[in-house]
Structure formats: structure tokens, C-alpha cells
Amino acid sequence: MHRRTALAAITGASLSLLTGGATDWTATPPAGVDEPLTDDTIGPADATERAATDLESGVSFEGEVVEVVECGRTCREATTTLTNTGTDDATAVQVAATVVAGETLVWETDEEIGRLEAGETVTRTQRIDIDVVSALAIENNDRTVTITTTITSAQRTEQFVTETRV
């Protein structure tokens, strides 16, 4: 299964991929390649200008879920890959994800990848293990979770939002 949704998976949020969740994609590159990333540069404003900057950057990401292994009733280990399919190297790559059930934060992670050269692939195995309170929050939310994954580099920021029943 080769899908861009593996960005969520590389951060350990692959449960949605395994259960066939619907995905809402948005890509928002930073305001300018040479400008530092701040919280104001990754919001939705100036999306057209940012999209044009993104096309010029030559950085693009794809991923794949390689394997998912059950490690307990509320635990999964997901092995995933992330590839820079663009023509330029991606620098300062970082992946962050949150899993929310209703208003309850169920799980989160933040991982530095660093430099990802054009055509380079990284492989990660992430353990997703939730506690009883989080499991109850999922159950009380009709077993639905929302996964928000953000991949940030000096050249581009992409955000992926997936809502799925688990």
C-alpha cells in the first residue's frame, strides 16, 4: 500500500491507514524558502503564494506502510517509510502527530528526521500504546479518532488530517 497517508503512519498514527479511514489532504508550504519557519508561516493565509513557492522548492514527500504488528490489545507497532520524492534535498525535516478522540488527546509524537536528500527514504518503527482512559475516550467517541500529522522542513510544510473508526 503506497500512499501519501504514510506520513501519518511514520509518526505512529498508522491505525487509520489500517482501518481504511478517509483522509483530508492539505499542503501548506512556508511563506518563503529562505524565511525561518514560525507558527505564523504555517497557517492557511496566503495559500496561493505558498503553493507557488512550494512548486519551486522541488521537495515532495510520499510514504508507505511496510508492516503493522499487534503487540497487545491497545498496542500496535507500525513500520513505515518516508521518501523525499522531490528533486531537491529537504532539510530540518520534522514529523509531528496527534491522535484525538472527541476532546481527549489519545496519543502524540514529535520526531526529528533531519536531512532527507532527494530520492532518499527513511524507515521507522513506532509503537502506539494507549492507556485505559484513552481507550475509553475512543469507545465513548463511537470508536472514531482524528489524526493530525504535520511534516515540516525548511522548504515545505504539509498537514494531513485523517478521521477514522478504529
Foldseek 3Di string as FASTA:
>chain_A
DKFQCCLLVQFPNCPCVVQVFDKDWDWFFFLALPDDDDPVRRDCPPRVSRVVLLVVLQWDKIKDWDDWDDPDPQKIKTKMKMAGQGQAKFAFKKKKKWKDQPNRTFDIDIDTPGIHGHGRMDMDIDMGGGDPVSVVSCVVSVQKIWMWMWIDTSRTIIIMITIDHD
